Protein backbone atom coordinates (compact mmCIF):
# COMPACT_ATOMS: atom_id res chain seq x y z
CA MET A 1 16.17 34.24 16.92
CA GLN A 2 18.67 33.11 19.36
CA GLN A 3 17.04 29.37 19.44
CA ASN A 4 17.60 29.16 15.38
CA ALA A 5 21.46 30.51 15.87
CA TRP A 6 21.67 27.67 18.82
CA VAL A 7 20.41 24.92 16.37
CA TYR A 8 22.27 26.01 13.38
CA PHE A 9 25.41 26.32 15.57
CA HIS A 10 25.25 22.49 16.68
CA ARG A 11 24.16 21.24 13.17
CA MET A 12 27.47 22.67 11.87
CA LYS A 13 29.36 20.97 14.72
CA ARG A 14 27.87 18.08 14.03
CA THR A 15 28.67 18.32 10.09
CA LEU A 16 32.08 19.23 10.70
CA PHE A 17 32.64 16.14 13.23
CA PHE A 18 31.23 13.83 10.15
CA LEU A 19 33.43 15.34 7.63
CA PHE A 20 36.24 14.93 10.17
CA LEU A 21 35.91 11.23 10.74
CA SER A 22 35.16 10.81 6.86
CA GLY A 23 38.19 12.60 6.02
CA THR A 24 40.30 10.63 8.79
CA PHE A 25 38.84 7.23 7.00
CA PHE A 26 39.42 8.32 3.74
CA SER A 27 43.03 9.47 4.44
CA ALA A 28 43.78 6.37 6.55
CA HIS A 29 42.73 4.11 3.38
CA SER A 30 44.59 5.87 0.98
CA GLN A 31 47.74 5.24 3.06
CA LYS A 32 47.11 1.57 2.96
CA ALA A 33 50.17 0.05 1.15
CA PRO A 34 49.35 -1.09 -2.56
CA ALA A 35 49.16 -4.83 -3.53
CA ASP A 36 47.89 -6.73 -6.67
CA LEU A 37 46.05 -9.53 -4.85
CA ILE A 38 44.94 -9.98 -1.35
CA ILE A 39 43.21 -13.21 -0.16
CA ARG A 40 41.05 -12.49 3.16
CA SER A 41 40.08 -14.52 6.00
CA VAL A 42 42.01 -17.99 4.84
CA SER A 43 43.58 -20.58 6.69
CA VAL A 44 47.20 -20.81 5.87
CA ILE A 45 48.82 -24.29 6.22
CA ASP A 46 52.37 -24.50 7.32
CA VAL A 47 53.45 -27.71 5.29
CA GLU A 48 56.55 -28.02 7.14
CA ARG A 49 55.28 -27.98 10.86
CA GLY A 50 51.93 -29.69 9.69
CA ARG A 51 49.75 -26.83 11.08
CA THR A 52 47.38 -24.22 10.19
CA ALA A 53 46.84 -20.66 11.19
CA ALA A 54 43.00 -19.08 10.85
CA ASN A 55 41.54 -16.06 9.79
CA GLN A 56 44.67 -14.81 8.11
CA ALA A 57 45.12 -12.37 5.09
CA VAL A 58 47.67 -13.17 2.19
CA VAL A 59 48.96 -10.40 0.25
CA VAL A 60 50.87 -10.55 -3.01
CA LYS A 61 52.62 -8.17 -5.10
CA ASP A 62 54.55 -8.54 -8.36
CA GLY A 63 54.78 -12.35 -7.95
CA ARG A 64 55.78 -12.34 -4.59
CA ILE A 65 54.15 -12.67 -1.11
CA ILE A 66 54.94 -9.17 0.66
CA ALA A 67 52.43 -10.11 3.88
CA VAL A 68 50.86 -12.91 5.71
CA THR A 69 48.98 -11.27 8.88
CA PRO A 70 46.11 -11.76 10.78
CA ALA A 71 43.17 -10.26 8.71
CA SER A 72 42.28 -7.70 11.36
CA LYS A 73 45.70 -6.37 11.20
CA LEU A 74 45.55 -6.12 7.12
CA ARG A 75 47.14 -2.55 5.96
CA HIS A 76 47.33 -3.03 2.18
CA ALA A 77 44.56 -2.67 -0.47
CA ALA A 78 44.36 -4.25 -3.87
CA PRO A 79 42.34 -4.23 -6.83
CA VAL A 80 41.67 -8.08 -6.42
CA GLU A 81 40.48 -9.23 -3.43
CA VAL A 82 39.20 -13.01 -2.83
CA ASP A 83 37.44 -14.20 0.01
CA GLY A 84 38.91 -17.24 1.74
CA THR A 85 36.31 -17.91 4.59
CA GLY A 86 36.38 -21.43 5.37
CA LYS A 87 39.35 -22.07 2.87
CA PHE A 88 42.77 -23.22 3.08
CA ILE A 89 45.65 -21.95 1.52
CA MET A 90 49.03 -23.77 0.88
CA PRO A 91 52.11 -23.57 -1.58
CA GLY A 92 51.39 -24.99 -4.88
CA LEU A 93 52.15 -28.44 -5.82
CA TRP A 94 55.05 -30.00 -7.68
CA ASP A 95 55.04 -33.04 -9.53
CA ASN A 96 58.83 -33.90 -9.11
CA HIS A 97 59.30 -36.79 -11.61
CA MET A 98 57.44 -36.41 -14.94
CA HIS A 99 58.12 -36.61 -18.88
CA PHE A 100 57.45 -34.34 -21.94
CA GLY A 101 58.12 -36.48 -24.93
CA GLY A 102 57.43 -38.72 -27.94
CA GLY A 103 58.86 -36.89 -30.60
CA ASP A 104 58.13 -33.41 -32.52
CA THR A 105 54.96 -34.52 -33.90
CA LEU A 106 53.70 -34.60 -30.31
CA ALA A 107 55.44 -31.24 -29.16
CA HIS A 108 51.98 -29.77 -29.43
CA GLU A 109 50.09 -32.20 -27.43
CA ASN A 110 52.89 -32.05 -24.77
CA ARG A 111 52.45 -28.23 -24.72
CA ASN A 112 48.89 -28.72 -24.04
CA LEU A 113 49.68 -30.57 -20.65
CA LEU A 114 50.88 -27.46 -19.24
CA PRO A 115 47.47 -25.50 -18.70
CA LEU A 116 45.99 -28.77 -17.69
CA MET A 117 48.80 -29.17 -15.02
CA LEU A 118 48.03 -25.79 -13.81
CA ALA A 119 44.41 -26.63 -13.32
CA TYR A 120 45.17 -29.50 -11.19
CA GLY A 121 47.05 -27.08 -8.93
CA ILE A 122 50.54 -27.87 -10.25
CA THR A 123 52.83 -25.08 -10.43
CA GLY A 124 56.01 -27.09 -10.49
CA VAL A 125 57.40 -29.50 -12.18
CA ARG A 126 60.73 -31.63 -13.14
CA ASP A 127 60.91 -32.95 -16.39
CA CYS A 128 63.03 -35.97 -16.09
CA ALA A 129 64.62 -36.26 -19.80
CA ALA A 130 62.72 -37.36 -22.99
CA ASP A 131 63.25 -36.24 -26.64
CA ILE A 132 61.83 -33.12 -27.06
CA SER A 133 64.28 -30.86 -25.20
CA HIS A 134 64.50 -28.29 -27.79
CA PHE A 135 60.62 -27.67 -27.15
CA VAL A 136 60.71 -27.91 -23.36
CA LEU A 137 63.57 -25.30 -22.73
CA PRO A 138 61.93 -22.54 -24.35
CA TRP A 139 58.72 -23.34 -22.79
CA ARG A 140 60.93 -23.32 -19.45
CA ASP A 141 61.98 -19.94 -20.08
CA SER A 142 58.45 -18.47 -21.88
CA VAL A 143 56.96 -19.90 -18.50
CA ALA A 144 59.15 -17.92 -16.27
CA LYS A 145 59.02 -14.79 -18.07
CA GLY A 146 54.86 -14.87 -17.77
CA LEU A 147 54.70 -15.69 -21.52
CA LEU A 148 53.41 -18.97 -21.22
CA GLU A 149 50.60 -20.34 -18.87
CA GLY A 150 51.67 -23.44 -16.93
CA PRO A 151 53.84 -24.62 -14.06
CA HIS A 152 57.66 -24.06 -13.69
CA ILE A 153 59.82 -26.34 -15.50
CA PHE A 154 62.87 -27.49 -13.91
CA THR A 155 64.50 -29.83 -16.97
CA SER A 156 67.23 -32.26 -17.15
CA GLY A 157 67.29 -31.85 -21.05
CA PRO A 158 68.42 -35.07 -22.82
CA LYS A 159 69.96 -37.83 -20.40
CA LEU A 160 73.23 -39.44 -20.78
CA GLU A 161 73.15 -43.45 -21.73
CA GLY A 162 75.45 -45.88 -23.13
CA TYR A 163 75.41 -46.68 -27.27
CA LYS A 164 72.26 -48.13 -28.53
CA SER A 165 70.00 -47.02 -25.70
CA VAL A 166 66.14 -48.24 -26.10
CA TRP A 167 65.41 -44.62 -25.11
CA LYS A 168 65.04 -41.90 -28.27
CA GLY A 169 66.98 -38.65 -27.38
CA ASP A 170 69.63 -39.77 -25.01
CA ILE A 171 72.82 -38.72 -25.24
CA GLU A 172 74.87 -42.00 -25.85
CA ILE A 173 78.42 -42.26 -24.59
CA GLY A 174 80.89 -44.90 -24.47
CA THR A 175 84.18 -43.01 -23.07
CA LYS A 176 85.45 -40.46 -20.82
CA GLU A 177 85.93 -38.07 -24.12
CA GLU A 178 82.40 -38.53 -25.01
CA LEU A 179 81.12 -37.96 -21.68
CA GLY A 180 83.16 -34.48 -21.48
CA LYS A 181 81.76 -33.45 -24.58
CA ALA A 182 78.09 -34.49 -23.37
CA LEU A 183 78.33 -32.55 -20.00
CA ASP A 184 79.72 -29.53 -22.28
CA SER A 185 76.74 -29.77 -24.17
CA LEU A 186 74.15 -30.01 -21.32
CA GLN A 187 76.10 -26.97 -19.50
CA GLY A 188 75.29 -25.23 -22.88
CA LEU A 189 71.65 -25.96 -22.90
CA LYS A 190 71.41 -24.49 -19.19
CA VAL A 191 69.78 -27.71 -17.93
CA ASP A 192 68.46 -27.53 -14.45
CA PHE A 193 70.14 -31.02 -13.36
CA VAL A 194 71.43 -34.09 -15.28
CA LYS A 195 69.49 -37.60 -15.47
CA ILE A 196 71.88 -40.47 -15.86
CA THR A 197 70.24 -44.12 -16.48
CA ASP A 198 71.75 -47.40 -17.01
CA ASN A 199 70.24 -49.39 -19.93
CA THR A 200 73.40 -49.73 -22.15
CA LEU A 201 75.53 -47.49 -19.89
CA LYS A 202 79.01 -49.52 -18.60
CA ALA A 203 79.25 -49.98 -14.82
CA ASP A 204 82.62 -48.01 -14.85
CA LEU A 205 81.45 -45.18 -17.11
CA TYR A 206 78.32 -45.00 -15.18
CA LEU A 207 80.04 -44.08 -11.83
CA GLU A 208 82.35 -41.88 -13.62
CA SER A 209 79.59 -40.03 -14.90
CA ILE A 210 78.32 -39.28 -11.64
CA ARG A 211 81.47 -38.16 -10.55
CA GLU A 212 82.44 -35.93 -13.50
CA THR A 213 78.77 -34.11 -13.39
CA ARG A 214 78.78 -33.51 -9.62
CA LYS A 215 82.17 -31.71 -10.22
CA ARG A 216 80.40 -29.49 -12.55
CA GLY A 217 78.04 -28.44 -9.84
CA PHE A 218 75.00 -30.33 -11.12
CA VAL A 219 72.38 -32.74 -8.98
CA ILE A 220 71.69 -35.84 -10.41
CA SER A 221 68.95 -38.08 -11.00
CA GLY A 222 69.16 -41.71 -11.98
CA HIS A 223 68.15 -45.11 -12.21
CA VAL A 224 70.51 -47.41 -10.53
CA PRO A 225 72.32 -50.36 -12.20
CA TYR A 226 71.78 -53.71 -10.18
CA ALA A 227 75.44 -54.72 -11.22
CA ILE A 228 76.55 -51.94 -8.82
CA PRO A 229 76.18 -52.12 -4.91
CA MET A 230 74.22 -49.05 -3.65
CA LYS A 231 77.11 -48.01 -1.62
CA GLU A 232 79.40 -47.46 -4.51
CA ILE A 233 76.72 -45.58 -6.39
CA VAL A 234 75.88 -43.10 -3.10
CA ASP A 235 79.93 -42.78 -2.56
CA ALA A 236 80.06 -41.80 -6.46
CA GLY A 237 77.81 -38.76 -5.61
CA ILE A 238 74.10 -39.42 -6.90
CA SER A 239 71.57 -36.90 -5.75
CA SER A 240 68.47 -38.88 -6.15
CA ILE A 241 67.28 -42.14 -6.91
CA GLU A 242 64.31 -42.31 -9.32
CA HIS A 243 61.89 -45.30 -8.64
CA ILE A 244 61.21 -47.04 -5.40
CA THR A 245 61.83 -50.42 -6.93
CA TYR A 246 65.67 -50.26 -7.18
CA LEU A 247 65.52 -49.78 -2.90
CA LEU A 248 64.55 -53.46 -2.77
CA LYS A 249 68.23 -54.76 -3.82
CA ALA A 250 69.71 -51.78 -1.70
CA GLY A 251 67.74 -53.31 1.55
CA SER A 252 68.84 -56.83 0.84
CA SER A 253 70.87 -58.61 3.53
CA GLU A 254 72.78 -60.36 0.48
CA GLU A 255 73.19 -56.88 -1.57
CA GLU A 256 76.71 -57.25 -2.75
CA SER A 257 76.62 -60.60 -3.65
CA ILE A 258 73.69 -60.17 -5.85
CA SER A 259 75.49 -57.11 -7.35
CA ARG A 260 78.21 -59.53 -8.29
CA LYS A 261 75.90 -62.25 -9.79
CA VAL A 262 74.28 -59.78 -11.66
CA ALA A 263 77.64 -58.27 -13.06
CA SER A 264 78.47 -61.73 -14.02
CA GLY A 265 75.21 -62.44 -15.71
CA GLU A 266 74.78 -65.38 -13.56
CA LEU A 267 71.39 -63.73 -11.93
CA LYS A 268 69.00 -61.86 -14.22
CA GLY A 269 65.32 -61.94 -14.76
CA ARG A 270 62.55 -63.69 -12.68
CA ALA A 271 65.44 -65.45 -10.63
CA LEU A 272 66.89 -62.14 -9.72
CA THR A 273 63.40 -60.68 -8.77
CA ASP A 274 62.82 -63.43 -6.48
CA LYS A 275 65.97 -63.39 -4.80
CA VAL A 276 65.98 -59.56 -4.47
CA ASN A 277 62.29 -59.92 -2.63
CA SER A 278 63.44 -62.63 -0.50
CA THR A 279 66.29 -61.23 1.01
CA TYR A 280 65.12 -58.12 1.71
CA ASP A 281 65.55 -57.46 5.19
CA LYS A 282 64.32 -54.36 7.27
CA ALA A 283 67.87 -53.93 9.52
CA SER A 284 69.93 -54.05 6.55
CA ALA A 285 67.60 -51.73 4.99
CA LEU A 286 67.72 -49.33 7.58
CA LYS A 287 71.71 -49.50 7.55
CA MET A 288 71.92 -48.66 3.97
CA PHE A 289 68.86 -46.02 3.94
CA ARG A 290 70.26 -44.30 6.91
CA TYR A 291 73.61 -43.89 4.83
CA MET A 292 71.87 -42.51 2.07
CA ALA A 293 70.32 -40.15 4.20
CA SER A 294 73.70 -38.87 5.94
CA LYS A 295 74.83 -38.25 2.23
CA GLY A 296 71.72 -36.35 1.35
CA VAL A 297 70.48 -38.73 -1.25
CA ALA A 298 66.87 -38.56 -2.14
CA VAL A 299 64.32 -40.98 -3.38
CA THR A 300 61.30 -40.45 -6.09
CA PRO A 301 58.91 -43.36 -5.23
CA THR A 302 57.13 -43.00 -8.14
CA LEU A 303 54.36 -45.35 -6.93
CA SER A 304 51.22 -43.98 -9.45
CA LEU A 305 52.36 -45.83 -12.64
CA GLY A 306 53.30 -49.40 -11.11
CA HIS A 307 49.78 -49.20 -9.30
CA ILE A 308 47.97 -48.30 -12.56
CA LEU A 309 49.56 -51.41 -14.17
CA SER A 310 49.75 -53.72 -11.55
CA TYR A 311 45.93 -53.83 -10.54
CA TRP A 312 44.79 -53.34 -14.47
CA ASP A 313 42.62 -56.21 -13.99
CA LYS A 314 40.63 -54.10 -11.55
CA HIS A 315 40.69 -50.50 -13.02
CA ASP A 316 41.05 -50.61 -17.04
CA ARG A 317 41.60 -47.10 -17.66
CA ARG A 318 41.00 -47.34 -21.34
CA ASN A 319 37.76 -45.63 -21.19
CA ASP A 320 38.53 -42.78 -18.67
CA ASP A 321 37.09 -39.24 -19.08
CA TYR A 322 40.31 -37.85 -18.43
CA LEU A 323 41.72 -38.68 -21.80
CA ARG A 324 39.87 -35.96 -23.43
CA TYR A 325 42.83 -33.90 -22.26
CA ILE A 326 45.32 -36.39 -23.76
CA GLY A 327 46.31 -36.25 -27.57
CA LYS A 328 45.87 -39.47 -29.54
CA GLY A 329 49.46 -39.59 -30.24
CA LEU A 330 50.42 -39.49 -26.36
CA GLN A 331 47.62 -42.17 -25.99
CA SER A 332 48.98 -44.30 -28.72
CA THR A 333 52.35 -44.28 -26.60
CA TYR A 334 50.55 -46.05 -23.56
CA ALA A 335 49.88 -49.04 -25.60
CA GLY A 336 53.25 -50.77 -25.23
CA ARG A 337 52.94 -51.79 -21.61
CA VAL A 338 49.27 -52.15 -21.52
CA ASN A 339 49.31 -54.63 -24.39
CA SER A 340 51.98 -56.43 -22.44
CA ILE A 341 50.47 -57.03 -19.27
CA MET A 342 47.19 -57.83 -21.05
CA LYS A 343 48.50 -61.12 -21.89
CA HIS A 344 49.31 -62.17 -18.22
CA ASP A 345 47.51 -64.73 -16.93
CA SER A 346 46.24 -65.32 -13.34
CA ALA A 347 49.78 -65.89 -11.96
CA ALA A 348 51.51 -63.27 -13.94
CA ILE A 349 48.74 -60.98 -11.87
CA ALA A 350 49.50 -62.16 -8.82
CA PHE A 351 52.94 -61.93 -9.12
CA ARG A 352 52.78 -58.33 -10.31
CA LYS A 353 50.52 -57.33 -7.82
CA ALA A 354 52.73 -58.78 -4.93
CA ASN A 355 56.04 -56.99 -6.51
CA TYR A 356 54.25 -53.89 -6.17
CA GLU A 357 53.27 -54.36 -2.77
CA LYS A 358 56.54 -55.44 -1.73
CA SER A 359 58.51 -52.58 -3.39
CA SER A 360 55.98 -49.76 -2.29
CA ALA A 361 56.37 -51.06 1.43
CA VAL A 362 59.76 -49.82 1.13
CA LEU A 363 58.53 -46.19 1.72
CA ALA A 364 57.77 -46.46 5.26
CA ASP A 365 61.72 -47.64 6.00
CA LEU A 366 62.83 -44.79 3.69
CA GLN A 367 60.85 -42.56 5.83
CA GLN A 368 61.99 -43.64 9.19
CA ALA A 369 65.44 -43.87 8.17
CA GLY A 370 65.04 -39.92 7.17
CA VAL A 371 65.54 -40.13 3.44
CA MET A 372 64.20 -37.27 1.56
CA ILE A 373 61.29 -38.26 -0.19
CA LEU A 374 60.07 -36.43 -3.53
CA ALA A 375 56.52 -36.82 -4.75
CA GLY A 376 56.74 -37.43 -8.37
CA THR A 377 54.24 -39.60 -10.73
CA ASP A 378 56.28 -40.55 -13.88
CA ALA A 379 53.55 -39.18 -15.97
CA GLY A 380 53.72 -38.28 -19.42
CA TYR A 381 54.43 -40.05 -22.83
CA LEU A 382 55.26 -43.74 -22.88
CA ASN A 383 53.85 -44.24 -19.13
CA SER A 384 50.42 -45.66 -19.52
CA TYR A 385 47.46 -43.83 -18.46
CA CYS A 386 49.57 -42.21 -15.90
CA TYR A 387 47.95 -38.55 -16.15
CA PRO A 388 49.65 -35.33 -15.79
CA GLY A 389 47.80 -33.27 -13.44
CA LEU A 390 45.86 -35.65 -11.74
CA ALA A 391 48.71 -38.48 -11.23
CA LEU A 392 50.40 -36.18 -8.78
CA HIS A 393 47.01 -36.24 -6.39
CA GLU A 394 47.10 -40.07 -6.92
CA GLU A 395 50.85 -40.15 -6.21
CA LEU A 396 50.25 -38.47 -2.75
CA ALA A 397 47.08 -40.58 -1.76
CA LEU A 398 49.64 -43.59 -2.54
CA MET A 399 52.24 -42.03 -0.30
CA VAL A 400 50.13 -42.00 2.37
CA ARG A 401 48.21 -45.49 1.95
CA TYR A 402 52.10 -47.06 2.10
CA GLY A 403 53.42 -45.33 4.99
CA MET A 404 53.52 -41.63 5.20
CA THR A 405 51.34 -38.98 7.06
CA PRO A 406 49.77 -36.30 4.78
CA GLN A 407 51.93 -33.65 6.07
CA GLN A 408 54.93 -35.94 5.03
CA ALA A 409 53.74 -36.40 1.70
CA LEU A 410 52.75 -32.70 1.19
CA LYS A 411 56.27 -31.74 2.32
CA ALA A 412 57.44 -34.48 -0.29
CA SER A 413 55.78 -32.29 -3.21
CA VAL A 414 55.91 -28.75 -2.05
CA ILE A 415 59.10 -28.67 0.04
CA ASN A 416 61.40 -31.16 -0.99
CA GLY A 417 61.21 -30.42 -4.68
CA PRO A 418 62.54 -27.16 -4.80
CA LYS A 419 64.92 -27.96 -1.74
CA PHE A 420 66.34 -30.72 -4.02
CA LEU A 421 66.96 -28.49 -6.77
CA GLY A 422 68.31 -25.49 -4.46
CA LYS A 423 65.57 -23.50 -5.79
CA LYS A 424 64.94 -20.83 -2.84
CA GLY A 425 61.42 -19.13 -2.31
CA TYR A 426 59.37 -22.01 -2.60
CA GLY A 427 57.35 -24.48 -0.42
CA THR A 428 56.02 -21.90 2.45
CA VAL A 429 53.31 -19.30 2.49
CA ALA A 430 55.19 -16.37 3.92
CA PRO A 431 56.63 -12.99 2.92
CA GLY A 432 59.41 -13.31 0.21
CA MET A 433 57.92 -16.32 -1.38
CA HIS A 434 56.91 -16.80 -4.91
CA ALA A 435 53.13 -16.25 -5.10
CA ASP A 436 52.64 -19.88 -6.24
CA LEU A 437 49.53 -20.81 -3.93
CA LEU A 438 46.55 -23.46 -3.83
CA LEU A 439 42.98 -22.44 -2.28
CA LEU A 440 41.41 -25.41 -1.25
CA ASP A 441 38.00 -25.95 0.07
CA ALA A 442 39.07 -28.37 2.88
CA ASN A 443 42.38 -29.47 4.60
CA PRO A 444 44.66 -31.67 3.17
CA LEU A 445 46.51 -32.45 6.38
CA GLU A 446 43.20 -34.07 7.54
CA ASP A 447 42.49 -36.03 4.73
CA ILE A 448 45.08 -36.09 1.51
CA HIS A 449 42.42 -36.38 -1.20
CA ASN A 450 41.23 -32.93 -0.14
CA THR A 451 44.08 -31.65 -2.51
CA GLN A 452 41.86 -32.18 -5.21
CA LYS A 453 39.37 -29.70 -3.88
CA ILE A 454 40.52 -26.63 -5.60
CA ARG A 455 38.91 -23.63 -5.39
CA GLY A 456 41.65 -21.60 -7.14
CA LEU A 457 45.31 -21.03 -7.92
CA VAL A 458 47.81 -18.10 -7.55
CA SER A 459 50.46 -18.76 -10.07
CA GLY A 460 53.42 -16.21 -10.69
CA GLY A 461 51.14 -13.83 -8.67
CA LYS A 462 47.99 -14.36 -11.06
CA TRP A 463 44.75 -15.06 -9.30
CA ARG A 464 42.81 -17.72 -11.25
CA ASP A 465 39.56 -18.72 -9.77
CA ARG A 466 37.43 -21.78 -10.13
CA VAL A 467 36.03 -20.68 -13.15
CA TYR A 468 38.93 -19.88 -14.99
CA LEU A 469 40.55 -23.18 -14.12
CA ASP A 470 37.48 -24.84 -15.54
CA GLU A 471 38.17 -22.98 -18.73
CA LEU A 472 41.39 -24.09 -18.82
CA LEU A 473 40.33 -27.83 -18.84
CA ALA A 474 37.66 -26.59 -21.43
CA GLU A 475 40.02 -25.24 -23.85
CA THR A 476 42.38 -28.11 -23.13
CA ALA A 477 39.93 -30.59 -24.32
CA ARG A 478 38.86 -28.55 -27.20
CA ARG A 479 42.32 -28.09 -28.59
CA THR A 480 43.12 -31.96 -27.87
CA ALA A 481 39.77 -32.60 -29.75
CA ALA A 482 40.97 -30.58 -32.70
CA GLY A 483 44.33 -32.13 -32.67
CA ILE A 484 45.89 -28.68 -32.15
């Protein structure tokens, strides 16, 4: 009897002990801070410093990162947890120069590009002007509110140009009074920046447009007139120069002389190109580029389109599988440039390739001089076979080919893009940042092509796995085939 009591007593002790442990466990678990999403055991890429931190947990709540901690110290619980073992996480990519456009009848085809770009890891785009701003601006606001699936959109609205511009949808101005009204209009639209080009805009009004736009607090992207020396354009206050080809003249040892001759009509066409190419001088270039850097002027090289057109004889893209995502209307806008280069003889083909290589080589000098570089593609309507989504990955690879490290190229996309626009909360996997994240199967710091090895995406705090991204692609293809 005493022995049975002794056994019963010790069994009760053991049961109570296990109940105590279970209660402690469940109590501790229930006390974990709530979150929406946790990505566990992942290597976090620090793009700014070009390094990784292994075995981290990234915690997301309400569209923001709330913790990045060693996985062993995780103190959160979430209904969605992702195993990041062997994977790498970085900020979502930004395409800092693309175009929506082609007129109202192509609005639906442009809208289909939004999930397409998201499926390729792009969580931010800078729309550098076109003719469907009345669609793009509402898309921008809908994406920001989580009502439309796509990357964050930052748009210039219609750009400033002179009378009878070749580009549709421009705001055409010829006087200071018209400039003021144009800027009033852009402010009313609440554009994110202002785009100015020089197709028909007079030189003096071009400079005045830059000065007046800066007075209103906007950053300015632009093409630059060959008739104006670069220093005058920089001193007027331009924020970024779009397309690296404009930097060849800026690096010429005879830049001021060339500008005067262009202004007088004495130098143009092939003679101008030959003169600029033959007088580009590294010492002169670095002097000007360092001055640009000191004034905070950025450059968006847009290497992609030039490469496609220059090497068309080697890589004809008219039968690309990617075209299943591009509407027939947008494809028709590709024809102009391609039809033109298809007429080139062997000498013209060699000339365009030499020009491309000459201008692309300027990238290394810009980087050496400390100029802020923005990764942008020129993808969109008109720009032949430069595909929204894929083009950004191709651009990053070209940037590395022509003088940047993978870390520098990634920075040009995910850090410099938001920095240029003054948008905080992007570019770093850290607490307080927007939860726009790219999960990759391999490290892009080691090989830039690894940006294409996408395992999943977080946009606006929402997790989208590879299956979901593939469904976005399939749905885009279906809508494109149906013409909707």
